[in-house]
Amino acid sequence: MPFFSLFNTRERVLTFLQVMLVMTGMFYCSWSMFNYFVGIVESAGLPGGEAAFYYSMAGVIDAISLIIWGLVSDFSGRRLGIIIAGIGAIIMAVPSFYLLYLGAYTRNIATLWLGTVLVGWFANYVWGIEPAYLTERFATVRRGSGVGFGYSSGIFLSTPIMPLLSIILYPILHSMWIIAAIMLIIGGTLSAIGAYIGPETKGVSLRAYST
C-alpha cells in the first residue's frame, strides 16, 4: 500500500517524477566514471594493472567527495547543493576526462593523477546529498517505498540508454573519453534541472505524515 500511495494523487506523481529526474542524472554522472574509466586509460595504452590502480584511487576520491559534499549540503541546502554539483559536472566534464586520457597517453604521472582526482570528484560528489535528499523528499508514511523506488527509478532511463548512446557515438567520435564526458554533461544537466524544479528539503520534519 505505501508503494501505490506514491501515485494516488497528482502532486505525489509529480514528486516522484521530479525525484526520478534527479536520480537519472545522478546515475549518468556516476556511471560516466564507473563504465568508462578503465576503458579510457587502457585505450591510451596504460596496462591493466595500472588502470585498475588509478580506478581504485578515483574511488577513494569519490568516497572523500561524498562526505565533503554531503556536509556542505547541511549548510547550503540539498537543492542548491545538487544544482551546484550538476553545474560543476557540466563545466568540468571535458577537462577532467581529457586530462585522464592525456595523462595515460603521455605517461605523465602528474597529469594522470590530476585527471583521476577530477573524474573521481566531479562524477560522484553529487551522491553525497542523495541519502538525505530522498529521505526528506517523502513523507514518513511512504518514505520506505519513496526512497527505495525513487532511487531505483534513476536506472530506468540510464541503464538501457547509456550503452546504446555509446554504440551510436563511438563510430562517430572514436574516443571513449569524449563519450564519458558527454555522459557526465547529460547527468549534471538532468540532476541540476531536477533539483531546480523541486523544493528545498533541508530542515523538513521527518515526522511529517501526510505531505
N, C-alpha and C. Protein backbone atom coordinates (compact mmCIF):
# COMPACT_ATOMS: atom_id res chain seq x y z
N MET A 1 0.81 -1.21 0.00
CA MET A 1 0.00 0.00 0.00
C MET A 1 0.85 1.27 0.00
N PRO A 2 1.95 1.36 0.78
CA PRO A 2 2.78 2.57 0.70
C PRO A 2 3.33 2.80 -0.71
N PHE A 3 3.62 1.71 -1.43
CA PHE A 3 4.12 1.87 -2.80
C PHE A 3 3.08 2.54 -3.68
N PHE A 4 1.85 2.07 -3.65
CA PHE A 4 0.80 2.64 -4.50
C PHE A 4 0.45 4.05 -4.07
N SER A 5 0.70 4.39 -2.81
CA SER A 5 0.39 5.74 -2.36
C SER A 5 1.33 6.78 -2.96
N LEU A 6 2.41 6.32 -3.59
CA LEU A 6 3.30 7.26 -4.28
C LEU A 6 2.64 7.88 -5.50
N PHE A 7 1.55 7.25 -5.97
CA PHE A 7 0.97 7.66 -7.25
C PHE A 7 -0.54 7.93 -7.16
N ASN A 8 -1.08 8.08 -5.96
CA ASN A 8 -2.54 8.20 -5.86
C ASN A 8 -3.05 9.64 -5.88
N THR A 9 -2.14 10.61 -6.03
CA THR A 9 -2.56 11.99 -6.26
C THR A 9 -1.63 12.61 -7.30
N ARG A 10 -2.09 13.64 -7.95
CA ARG A 10 -1.27 14.31 -8.97
C ARG A 10 0.01 14.87 -8.35
N GLU A 11 -0.10 15.44 -7.18
CA GLU A 11 1.07 16.03 -6.53
C GLU A 11 2.13 14.96 -6.24
N ARG A 12 1.69 13.79 -5.81
CA ARG A 12 2.64 12.73 -5.48
C ARG A 12 3.29 12.15 -6.74
N VAL A 13 2.54 12.06 -7.81
CA VAL A 13 3.11 11.61 -9.08
C VAL A 13 4.18 12.59 -9.54
N LEU A 14 3.89 13.89 -9.44
CA LEU A 14 4.86 14.91 -9.86
C LEU A 14 6.10 14.86 -8.96
N THR A 15 5.90 14.61 -7.68
CA THR A 15 7.04 14.47 -6.77
C THR A 15 7.92 13.31 -7.21
N PHE A 16 7.30 12.18 -7.50
CA PHE A 16 8.08 11.01 -7.91
C PHE A 16 8.82 11.27 -9.22
N LEU A 17 8.17 11.90 -10.18
CA LEU A 17 8.81 12.17 -11.47
C LEU A 17 9.99 13.14 -11.30
N GLN A 18 9.83 14.10 -10.41
CA GLN A 18 10.93 15.03 -10.15
C GLN A 18 12.12 14.32 -9.52
N VAL A 19 11.84 13.43 -8.57
CA VAL A 19 12.90 12.64 -7.95
C VAL A 19 13.55 11.72 -8.99
N MET A 20 12.75 11.16 -9.84
CA MET A 20 13.26 10.29 -10.89
C MET A 20 14.22 11.04 -11.82
N LEU A 21 13.90 12.29 -12.13
CA LEU A 21 14.78 13.09 -12.98
C LEU A 21 16.12 13.34 -12.29
N VAL A 22 16.08 13.69 -11.01
CA VAL A 22 17.31 13.92 -10.26
C VAL A 22 18.16 12.65 -10.22
N MET A 23 17.52 11.51 -9.93
CA MET A 23 18.26 10.26 -9.81
C MET A 23 18.80 9.78 -11.15
N THR A 24 18.06 10.01 -12.22
CA THR A 24 18.57 9.66 -13.55
C THR A 24 19.86 10.41 -13.83
N GLY A 25 19.86 11.70 -13.51
CA GLY A 25 21.08 12.50 -13.69
C GLY A 25 22.22 11.99 -12.84
N MET A 26 21.92 11.60 -11.60
CA MET A 26 22.98 11.10 -10.72
C MET A 26 23.60 9.82 -11.26
N PHE A 27 22.77 8.93 -11.80
CA PHE A 27 23.31 7.68 -12.35
C PHE A 27 24.17 7.95 -13.59
N TYR A 28 23.74 8.88 -14.43
CA TYR A 28 24.58 9.24 -15.58
C TYR A 28 25.93 9.77 -15.11
N CYS A 29 25.92 10.58 -14.06
CA CYS A 29 27.16 11.13 -13.54
C CYS A 29 28.10 10.03 -13.05
N SER A 30 27.60 9.20 -12.15
CA SER A 30 28.48 8.20 -11.56
C SER A 30 28.94 7.16 -12.57
N TRP A 31 28.05 6.75 -13.45
CA TRP A 31 28.42 5.73 -14.42
C TRP A 31 29.34 6.26 -15.52
N SER A 32 29.42 7.59 -15.65
CA SER A 32 30.41 8.13 -16.58
C SER A 32 31.82 7.73 -16.13
N MET A 33 31.99 7.57 -14.81
CA MET A 33 33.27 7.08 -14.30
C MET A 33 33.30 5.56 -14.25
N PHE A 34 32.29 4.95 -13.64
CA PHE A 34 32.31 3.50 -13.44
C PHE A 34 32.37 2.72 -14.75
N ASN A 35 31.67 3.19 -15.75
CA ASN A 35 31.58 2.45 -17.02
C ASN A 35 32.74 2.71 -17.96
N TYR A 36 33.44 3.84 -17.81
CA TYR A 36 34.39 4.23 -18.85
C TYR A 36 35.83 4.41 -18.37
N PHE A 37 36.04 4.58 -17.07
CA PHE A 37 37.37 4.97 -16.58
C PHE A 37 38.46 4.01 -17.06
N VAL A 38 38.29 2.73 -16.76
CA VAL A 38 39.33 1.76 -17.13
C VAL A 38 39.50 1.68 -18.64
N GLY A 39 38.40 1.73 -19.37
CA GLY A 39 38.49 1.68 -20.82
C GLY A 39 39.24 2.87 -21.40
N ILE A 40 39.06 4.04 -20.78
CA ILE A 40 39.74 5.24 -21.27
C ILE A 40 41.25 5.11 -21.12
N VAL A 41 41.71 4.75 -19.92
CA VAL A 41 43.15 4.71 -19.70
C VAL A 41 43.79 3.52 -20.41
N GLU A 42 43.06 2.41 -20.54
CA GLU A 42 43.62 1.28 -21.29
C GLU A 42 43.69 1.59 -22.78
N SER A 43 42.70 2.32 -23.30
CA SER A 43 42.75 2.70 -24.72
C SER A 43 43.89 3.66 -25.00
N ALA A 44 44.35 4.36 -23.95
CA ALA A 44 45.50 5.24 -24.08
C ALA A 44 46.82 4.50 -23.91
N GLY A 45 46.74 3.19 -23.66
CA GLY A 45 47.94 2.37 -23.58
C GLY A 45 48.39 2.01 -22.18
N LEU A 46 47.61 2.37 -21.16
CA LEU A 46 48.00 2.03 -19.80
C LEU A 46 47.75 0.54 -19.54
N PRO A 47 48.69 -0.17 -18.97
CA PRO A 47 48.49 -1.60 -18.67
C PRO A 47 47.33 -1.80 -17.70
N GLY A 48 46.75 -3.00 -17.75
CA GLY A 48 45.57 -3.28 -16.95
C GLY A 48 45.77 -3.09 -15.46
N GLY A 49 46.92 -3.48 -14.94
CA GLY A 49 47.20 -3.33 -13.52
C GLY A 49 47.23 -1.88 -13.09
N GLU A 50 47.87 -1.04 -13.89
CA GLU A 50 47.93 0.39 -13.58
C GLU A 50 46.55 1.03 -13.74
N ALA A 51 45.82 0.59 -14.76
CA ALA A 51 44.46 1.11 -14.95
C ALA A 51 43.61 0.83 -13.73
N ALA A 52 43.71 -0.40 -13.20
CA ALA A 52 42.94 -0.77 -12.02
C ALA A 52 43.37 0.06 -10.80
N PHE A 53 44.66 0.34 -10.69
CA PHE A 53 45.15 1.15 -9.57
C PHE A 53 44.55 2.55 -9.59
N TYR A 54 44.62 3.20 -10.73
CA TYR A 54 44.10 4.57 -10.81
C TYR A 54 42.58 4.60 -10.67
N TYR A 55 41.93 3.57 -11.14
CA TYR A 55 40.49 3.46 -10.95
C TYR A 55 40.15 3.37 -9.46
N SER A 56 40.93 2.59 -8.73
CA SER A 56 40.70 2.47 -7.29
C SER A 56 40.98 3.79 -6.58
N MET A 57 41.97 4.54 -7.05
CA MET A 57 42.26 5.84 -6.47
C MET A 57 41.12 6.83 -6.75
N ALA A 58 40.53 6.72 -7.93
CA ALA A 58 39.36 7.55 -8.22
C ALA A 58 38.22 7.21 -7.26
N GLY A 59 38.12 5.93 -6.89
CA GLY A 59 37.12 5.52 -5.92
C GLY A 59 37.36 6.12 -4.54
N VAL A 60 38.62 6.25 -4.16
CA VAL A 60 38.96 6.89 -2.88
C VAL A 60 38.55 8.36 -2.90
N ILE A 61 38.86 9.04 -4.01
CA ILE A 61 38.46 10.45 -4.15
C ILE A 61 36.94 10.56 -4.13
N ASP A 62 36.30 9.61 -4.78
CA ASP A 62 34.83 9.54 -4.78
C ASP A 62 34.31 9.51 -3.35
N ALA A 63 34.84 8.63 -2.52
CA ALA A 63 34.38 8.50 -1.13
C ALA A 63 34.59 9.78 -0.35
N ILE A 64 35.74 10.41 -0.55
CA ILE A 64 36.02 11.68 0.14
C ILE A 64 35.04 12.77 -0.31
N SER A 65 34.80 12.83 -1.61
CA SER A 65 33.92 13.86 -2.15
C SER A 65 32.50 13.71 -1.63
N LEU A 66 32.04 12.47 -1.46
CA LEU A 66 30.69 12.24 -0.94
C LEU A 66 30.53 12.82 0.45
N ILE A 67 31.50 12.57 1.30
CA ILE A 67 31.45 13.04 2.68
C ILE A 67 31.46 14.57 2.73
N ILE A 68 32.37 15.15 1.97
CA ILE A 68 32.52 16.61 1.99
C ILE A 68 31.27 17.29 1.44
N TRP A 69 30.77 16.82 0.29
CA TRP A 69 29.64 17.50 -0.32
C TRP A 69 28.34 17.24 0.44
N GLY A 70 28.22 16.10 1.07
CA GLY A 70 27.08 15.87 1.94
C GLY A 70 27.09 16.84 3.11
N LEU A 71 28.28 17.08 3.68
CA LEU A 71 28.42 18.04 4.77
C LEU A 71 28.09 19.45 4.29
N VAL A 72 28.57 19.80 3.11
CA VAL A 72 28.28 21.13 2.55
C VAL A 72 26.78 21.36 2.45
N SER A 73 26.05 20.31 2.05
CA SER A 73 24.60 20.46 1.87
C SER A 73 23.87 20.71 3.18
N ASP A 74 24.50 20.37 4.32
CA ASP A 74 23.91 20.69 5.61
C ASP A 74 23.86 22.20 5.84
N PHE A 75 24.68 22.94 5.10
CA PHE A 75 24.71 24.39 5.23
C PHE A 75 24.08 25.08 4.01
N SER A 76 24.38 24.57 2.82
CA SER A 76 23.88 25.20 1.60
C SER A 76 22.44 24.81 1.29
N GLY A 77 22.02 23.66 1.79
CA GLY A 77 20.73 23.10 1.42
C GLY A 77 20.92 22.02 0.37
N ARG A 78 20.00 21.08 0.30
CA ARG A 78 20.12 19.97 -0.65
C ARG A 78 19.91 20.45 -2.08
N ARG A 79 18.89 21.24 -2.29
CA ARG A 79 18.55 21.69 -3.64
C ARG A 79 19.71 22.44 -4.28
N LEU A 80 20.23 23.45 -3.57
CA LEU A 80 21.33 24.23 -4.11
C LEU A 80 22.58 23.37 -4.27
N GLY A 81 22.80 22.45 -3.33
CA GLY A 81 23.96 21.57 -3.43
C GLY A 81 23.93 20.71 -4.67
N ILE A 82 22.76 20.17 -5.02
CA ILE A 82 22.64 19.34 -6.22
C ILE A 82 22.80 20.20 -7.47
N ILE A 83 22.23 21.40 -7.45
CA ILE A 83 22.36 22.29 -8.61
C ILE A 83 23.83 22.66 -8.84
N ILE A 84 24.52 23.02 -7.78
CA ILE A 84 25.94 23.37 -7.91
C ILE A 84 26.74 22.17 -8.40
N ALA A 85 26.45 20.99 -7.85
CA ALA A 85 27.16 19.77 -8.28
C ALA A 85 26.91 19.50 -9.75
N GLY A 86 25.67 19.70 -10.21
CA GLY A 86 25.36 19.48 -11.62
C GLY A 86 26.09 20.45 -12.52
N ILE A 87 26.10 21.72 -12.14
CA ILE A 87 26.81 22.73 -12.95
C ILE A 87 28.30 22.44 -12.96
N GLY A 88 28.84 22.05 -11.79
CA GLY A 88 30.26 21.71 -11.73
C GLY A 88 30.60 20.54 -12.64
N ALA A 89 29.72 19.54 -12.67
CA ALA A 89 29.94 18.38 -13.54
C ALA A 89 29.93 18.79 -15.01
N ILE A 90 29.00 19.66 -15.37
CA ILE A 90 28.91 20.13 -16.76
C ILE A 90 30.19 20.85 -17.17
N ILE A 91 30.66 21.75 -16.31
CA ILE A 91 31.84 22.56 -16.63
C ILE A 91 33.11 21.72 -16.68
N MET A 92 33.23 20.77 -15.77
CA MET A 92 34.48 20.03 -15.62
C MET A 92 34.51 18.70 -16.36
N ALA A 93 33.42 18.32 -17.01
CA ALA A 93 33.38 17.01 -17.67
C ALA A 93 34.48 16.84 -18.71
N VAL A 94 34.57 17.76 -19.63
CA VAL A 94 35.58 17.64 -20.70
C VAL A 94 37.00 17.77 -20.15
N PRO A 95 37.32 18.80 -19.35
CA PRO A 95 38.69 18.88 -18.81
C PRO A 95 39.10 17.65 -18.00
N SER A 96 38.18 17.14 -17.18
CA SER A 96 38.52 16.01 -16.30
C SER A 96 38.87 14.76 -17.09
N PHE A 97 37.99 14.38 -18.02
CA PHE A 97 38.23 13.16 -18.77
C PHE A 97 39.36 13.32 -19.78
N TYR A 98 39.54 14.54 -20.31
CA TYR A 98 40.65 14.76 -21.23
C TYR A 98 41.98 14.62 -20.51
N LEU A 99 42.09 15.22 -19.32
CA LEU A 99 43.34 15.11 -18.56
C LEU A 99 43.62 13.67 -18.17
N LEU A 100 42.56 12.92 -17.85
CA LEU A 100 42.74 11.50 -17.54
C LEU A 100 43.33 10.77 -18.74
N TYR A 101 42.75 10.99 -19.91
CA TYR A 101 43.24 10.33 -21.12
C TYR A 101 44.65 10.80 -21.47
N LEU A 102 44.87 12.11 -21.41
CA LEU A 102 46.17 12.68 -21.78
C LEU A 102 47.27 12.15 -20.87
N GLY A 103 46.98 12.09 -19.57
CA GLY A 103 47.98 11.59 -18.64
C GLY A 103 48.34 10.14 -18.91
N ALA A 104 47.34 9.34 -19.24
CA ALA A 104 47.61 7.93 -19.56
C ALA A 104 48.36 7.80 -20.88
N TYR A 105 47.99 8.61 -21.85
CA TYR A 105 48.59 8.52 -23.19
C TYR A 105 50.06 8.95 -23.18
N THR A 106 50.34 10.02 -22.43
CA THR A 106 51.71 10.57 -22.40
C THR A 106 52.55 9.97 -21.28
N ARG A 107 51.93 9.14 -20.44
CA ARG A 107 52.58 8.58 -19.25
C ARG A 107 53.08 9.68 -18.33
N ASN A 108 52.36 10.79 -18.31
CA ASN A 108 52.68 11.88 -17.40
C ASN A 108 51.94 11.63 -16.09
N ILE A 109 52.66 11.26 -15.07
CA ILE A 109 52.04 10.83 -13.81
C ILE A 109 51.24 11.96 -13.17
N ALA A 110 51.79 13.17 -13.20
CA ALA A 110 51.10 14.30 -12.58
C ALA A 110 49.76 14.56 -13.26
N THR A 111 49.76 14.53 -14.58
CA THR A 111 48.52 14.76 -15.33
C THR A 111 47.53 13.63 -15.10
N LEU A 112 48.05 12.41 -15.05
CA LEU A 112 47.19 11.26 -14.83
C LEU A 112 46.54 11.33 -13.45
N TRP A 113 47.31 11.71 -12.45
CA TRP A 113 46.76 11.87 -11.11
C TRP A 113 45.72 12.99 -11.06
N LEU A 114 46.00 14.08 -11.74
CA LEU A 114 45.06 15.20 -11.77
C LEU A 114 43.75 14.77 -12.41
N GLY A 115 43.84 14.07 -13.54
CA GLY A 115 42.64 13.58 -14.19
C GLY A 115 41.87 12.61 -13.32
N THR A 116 42.60 11.75 -12.61
CA THR A 116 41.97 10.77 -11.72
C THR A 116 41.21 11.47 -10.60
N VAL A 117 41.83 12.47 -9.99
CA VAL A 117 41.19 13.21 -8.90
C VAL A 117 39.96 13.95 -9.41
N LEU A 118 40.07 14.61 -10.54
CA LEU A 118 38.95 15.40 -11.07
C LEU A 118 37.78 14.50 -11.45
N VAL A 119 38.07 13.39 -12.12
CA VAL A 119 36.99 12.47 -12.50
C VAL A 119 36.34 11.89 -11.25
N GLY A 120 37.16 11.44 -10.29
CA GLY A 120 36.61 10.88 -9.06
C GLY A 120 35.73 11.85 -8.31
N TRP A 121 36.10 13.11 -8.33
CA TRP A 121 35.32 14.13 -7.62
C TRP A 121 34.05 14.51 -8.38
N PHE A 122 34.20 14.98 -9.61
CA PHE A 122 33.06 15.59 -10.31
C PHE A 122 32.05 14.57 -10.83
N ALA A 123 32.45 13.31 -10.95
CA ALA A 123 31.49 12.31 -11.41
C ALA A 123 30.59 11.81 -10.28
N ASN A 124 31.00 12.03 -9.02
CA ASN A 124 30.28 11.36 -7.94
C ASN A 124 29.93 12.22 -6.73
N TYR A 125 30.44 13.44 -6.65
CA TYR A 125 30.22 14.17 -5.40
C TYR A 125 28.76 14.52 -5.15
N VAL A 126 27.96 14.59 -6.20
CA VAL A 126 26.53 14.85 -6.02
C VAL A 126 25.85 13.77 -5.18
N TRP A 127 26.41 12.55 -5.20
CA TRP A 127 25.80 11.44 -4.46
C TRP A 127 25.89 11.62 -2.95
N GLY A 128 26.74 12.50 -2.48
CA GLY A 128 26.81 12.75 -1.05
C GLY A 128 25.54 13.34 -0.47
N ILE A 129 24.72 13.93 -1.33
CA ILE A 129 23.47 14.57 -0.90
C ILE A 129 22.29 13.61 -1.01
N GLU A 130 22.42 12.60 -1.84
CA GLU A 130 21.28 11.73 -2.20
C GLU A 130 20.57 11.08 -1.01
N PRO A 131 21.28 10.51 -0.02
CA PRO A 131 20.55 9.85 1.08
C PRO A 131 19.65 10.81 1.84
N ALA A 132 20.18 11.98 2.18
CA ALA A 132 19.38 12.95 2.92
C ALA A 132 18.25 13.51 2.05
N TYR A 133 18.57 13.80 0.80
CA TYR A 133 17.59 14.41 -0.09
C TYR A 133 16.38 13.50 -0.29
N LEU A 134 16.60 12.23 -0.58
CA LEU A 134 15.49 11.32 -0.80
C LEU A 134 14.70 11.10 0.50
N THR A 135 15.40 10.99 1.61
CA THR A 135 14.72 10.80 2.89
C THR A 135 13.80 11.97 3.19
N GLU A 136 14.27 13.17 2.90
CA GLU A 136 13.49 14.38 3.19
C GLU A 136 12.42 14.65 2.16
N ARG A 137 12.50 13.99 1.02
CA ARG A 137 11.57 14.28 -0.08
C ARG A 137 10.23 13.57 0.08
N PHE A 138 10.18 12.50 0.88
CA PHE A 138 8.96 11.71 1.00
C PHE A 138 8.47 11.72 2.45
N ALA A 139 7.16 11.77 2.59
CA ALA A 139 6.55 11.76 3.92
C ALA A 139 6.79 10.43 4.61
N THR A 140 6.70 10.44 5.93
CA THR A 140 7.02 9.26 6.73
C THR A 140 6.25 8.02 6.29
N VAL A 141 4.96 8.19 6.00
CA VAL A 141 4.11 7.04 5.71
C VAL A 141 4.52 6.31 4.44
N ARG A 142 5.20 7.01 3.53
CA ARG A 142 5.63 6.36 2.28
C ARG A 142 7.13 6.51 2.05
N ARG A 143 7.88 6.78 3.09
CA ARG A 143 9.31 7.06 2.93
C ARG A 143 10.08 5.83 2.45
N GLY A 144 9.78 4.67 3.03
CA GLY A 144 10.50 3.46 2.61
C GLY A 144 10.32 3.18 1.13
N SER A 145 9.07 3.23 0.68
CA SER A 145 8.80 2.99 -0.74
C SER A 145 9.34 4.13 -1.60
N GLY A 146 9.19 5.36 -1.10
CA GLY A 146 9.64 6.51 -1.89
C GLY A 146 11.14 6.53 -2.10
N VAL A 147 11.89 6.29 -1.02
CA VAL A 147 13.34 6.28 -1.13
C VAL A 147 13.80 5.09 -1.98
N GLY A 148 13.26 3.90 -1.71
CA GLY A 148 13.69 2.72 -2.43
C GLY A 148 13.38 2.78 -3.92
N PHE A 149 12.13 3.07 -4.23
CA PHE A 149 11.73 3.10 -5.64
C PHE A 149 12.20 4.37 -6.32
N GLY A 150 12.24 5.48 -5.57
CA GLY A 150 12.75 6.73 -6.14
C GLY A 150 14.20 6.61 -6.56
N TYR A 151 14.99 5.98 -5.68
CA TYR A 151 16.40 5.73 -6.00
C TYR A 151 16.52 4.86 -7.26
N SER A 152 15.80 3.75 -7.26
CA SER A 152 15.92 2.80 -8.37
C SER A 152 15.38 3.36 -9.68
N SER A 153 14.47 4.33 -9.59
CA SER A 153 13.88 4.87 -10.82
C SER A 153 14.92 5.53 -11.71
N GLY A 154 16.02 5.95 -11.12
CA GLY A 154 17.07 6.57 -11.92
C GLY A 154 17.71 5.61 -12.90
N ILE A 155 17.52 4.31 -12.67
CA ILE A 155 18.10 3.30 -13.55
C ILE A 155 17.29 3.17 -14.85
N PHE A 156 15.99 3.49 -14.79
CA PHE A 156 15.11 3.23 -15.92
C PHE A 156 15.58 3.91 -17.21
N LEU A 157 16.04 5.16 -17.09
CA LEU A 157 16.42 5.93 -18.27
C LEU A 157 17.93 6.08 -18.42
N SER A 158 18.67 5.32 -17.62
CA SER A 158 20.13 5.38 -17.74
C SER A 158 20.71 4.04 -18.17
N THR A 159 20.31 2.97 -17.49
CA THR A 159 20.87 1.65 -17.80
C THR A 159 20.66 1.23 -19.26
N PRO A 160 19.47 1.37 -19.83
CA PRO A 160 19.31 0.93 -21.22
C PRO A 160 19.82 1.93 -22.24
N ILE A 161 19.92 3.21 -21.86
CA ILE A 161 20.25 4.24 -22.84
C ILE A 161 21.74 4.47 -22.97
N MET A 162 22.48 4.45 -21.85
CA MET A 162 23.92 4.73 -21.92
C MET A 162 24.67 3.80 -22.86
N PRO A 163 24.45 2.47 -22.80
CA PRO A 163 25.15 1.60 -23.75
C PRO A 163 24.77 1.88 -25.21
N LEU A 164 23.50 2.18 -25.44
CA LEU A 164 23.07 2.48 -26.81
C LEU A 164 23.72 3.76 -27.32
N LEU A 165 23.80 4.78 -26.45
CA LEU A 165 24.46 6.02 -26.85
C LEU A 165 25.93 5.77 -27.16
N SER A 166 26.57 4.93 -26.35
CA SER A 166 27.98 4.62 -26.59
C SER A 166 28.17 3.93 -27.95
N ILE A 167 27.27 2.99 -28.25
CA ILE A 167 27.34 2.27 -29.53
C ILE A 167 27.16 3.22 -30.70
N ILE A 168 26.26 4.18 -30.53
CA ILE A 168 25.99 5.15 -31.60
C ILE A 168 27.14 6.15 -31.75
N LEU A 169 27.67 6.63 -30.62
CA LEU A 169 28.64 7.72 -30.65
C LEU A 169 30.06 7.27 -30.99
N TYR A 170 30.43 6.05 -30.59
CA TYR A 170 31.83 5.66 -30.77
C TYR A 170 32.29 5.66 -32.23
N PRO A 171 31.49 5.12 -33.17
CA PRO A 171 31.93 5.18 -34.58
C PRO A 171 32.05 6.60 -35.12
N ILE A 172 31.37 7.54 -34.46
CA ILE A 172 31.42 8.93 -34.91
C ILE A 172 32.60 9.67 -34.28
N LEU A 173 32.77 9.48 -32.96
CA LEU A 173 33.77 10.24 -32.22
C LEU A 173 35.11 9.52 -32.09
N HIS A 174 35.09 8.17 -32.13
CA HIS A 174 36.30 7.36 -32.00
C HIS A 174 37.09 7.73 -30.74
N SER A 175 36.39 8.09 -29.69
CA SER A 175 37.07 8.50 -28.46
C SER A 175 36.20 8.17 -27.26
N MET A 176 36.69 7.31 -26.38
CA MET A 176 35.92 6.92 -25.21
C MET A 176 35.85 8.04 -24.18
N TRP A 177 36.92 8.85 -24.08
CA TRP A 177 36.90 9.91 -23.07
C TRP A 177 35.88 10.98 -23.42
N ILE A 178 35.68 11.25 -24.69
CA ILE A 178 34.67 12.24 -25.10
C ILE A 178 33.28 11.71 -24.78
N ILE A 179 33.05 10.43 -25.03
CA ILE A 179 31.75 9.83 -24.72
C ILE A 179 31.48 9.90 -23.22
N ALA A 180 32.49 9.60 -22.41
CA ALA A 180 32.33 9.68 -20.96
C ALA A 180 31.99 11.11 -20.53
N ALA A 181 32.66 12.08 -21.15
CA ALA A 181 32.39 13.48 -20.83
C ALA A 181 30.96 13.86 -21.19
N ILE A 182 30.48 13.36 -22.32
CA ILE A 182 29.11 13.63 -22.73
C ILE A 182 28.12 13.06 -21.71
N MET A 183 28.39 11.85 -21.24
CA MET A 183 27.51 11.24 -20.24
C MET A 183 27.49 12.05 -18.95
N LEU A 184 28.65 12.58 -18.55
CA LEU A 184 28.70 13.39 -17.34
C LEU A 184 27.96 14.71 -17.53
N ILE A 185 28.06 15.28 -18.72
CA ILE A 185 27.33 16.52 -19.01
C ILE A 185 25.82 16.26 -18.97
N ILE A 186 25.41 15.15 -19.56
CA ILE A 186 23.98 14.79 -19.50
C ILE A 186 23.53 14.62 -18.05
N GLY A 187 24.33 13.91 -17.28
CA GLY A 187 23.98 13.68 -15.88
C GLY A 187 23.90 14.95 -15.07
N GLY A 188 24.89 15.82 -15.22
CA GLY A 188 24.88 17.09 -14.50
C GLY A 188 23.68 17.94 -14.87
N THR A 189 23.34 17.94 -16.15
CA THR A 189 22.21 18.73 -16.62
C THR A 189 20.90 18.22 -16.04
N LEU A 190 20.69 16.91 -16.10
CA LEU A 190 19.43 16.33 -15.63
C LEU A 190 19.27 16.50 -14.12
N SER A 191 20.32 16.26 -13.36
CA SER A 191 20.21 16.38 -11.91
C SER A 191 20.00 17.82 -11.48
N ALA A 192 20.69 18.75 -12.14
CA ALA A 192 20.53 20.17 -11.80
C ALA A 192 19.12 20.66 -12.12
N ILE A 193 18.60 20.28 -13.30
CA ILE A 193 17.24 20.67 -13.66
C ILE A 193 16.23 20.04 -12.70
N GLY A 194 16.43 18.76 -12.40
CA GLY A 194 15.52 18.08 -11.48
C GLY A 194 15.48 18.75 -10.12
N ALA A 195 16.64 19.11 -9.58
CA ALA A 195 16.68 19.78 -8.28
C ALA A 195 16.07 21.17 -8.36
N TYR A 196 16.31 21.86 -9.46
CA TYR A 196 15.80 23.24 -9.62
C TYR A 196 14.28 23.29 -9.58
N ILE A 197 13.63 22.32 -10.21
CA ILE A 197 12.16 22.35 -10.27
C ILE A 197 11.53 21.77 -9.00
N GLY A 198 12.34 21.22 -8.12
CA GLY A 198 11.83 20.68 -6.87
C GLY A 198 12.06 21.64 -5.72
N PRO A 199 11.53 21.33 -4.55
CA PRO A 199 11.67 22.21 -3.39
C PRO A 199 12.96 21.95 -2.63
N GLU A 200 13.31 22.88 -1.76
CA GLU A 200 14.38 22.65 -0.81
C GLU A 200 13.84 21.70 0.27
N THR A 201 14.65 20.72 0.66
CA THR A 201 14.20 19.75 1.65
C THR A 201 14.90 19.87 2.99
N LYS A 202 16.02 20.57 3.04
CA LYS A 202 16.77 20.69 4.27
C LYS A 202 15.90 21.30 5.37
N GLY A 203 15.84 20.61 6.49
CA GLY A 203 15.10 21.14 7.62
C GLY A 203 13.66 20.69 7.71
N VAL A 204 13.17 19.93 6.71
CA VAL A 204 11.78 19.47 6.79
C VAL A 204 11.66 18.45 7.92
N SER A 205 10.47 18.34 8.50
CA SER A 205 10.26 17.41 9.59
C SER A 205 10.16 15.98 9.06
N LEU A 206 11.00 15.11 9.58
CA LEU A 206 10.94 13.70 9.17
C LEU A 206 9.78 12.97 9.83
N ARG A 207 9.05 13.66 10.69
CA ARG A 207 7.87 13.08 11.31
C ARG A 207 6.59 13.42 10.54
N ALA A 208 6.73 14.26 9.50
CA ALA A 208 5.54 14.66 8.73
C ALA A 208 4.85 13.42 8.17
N TYR A 209 3.54 13.35 8.30
CA TYR A 209 2.82 12.13 7.93
C TYR A 209 2.12 12.24 6.60
N SER A 210 1.54 13.38 6.26
CA SER A 210 0.62 13.43 5.13
C SER A 210 1.12 14.26 3.95
N THR A 211 2.28 14.91 4.06
CA THR A 211 2.71 15.77 2.97
C THR A 211 3.57 15.01 1.98
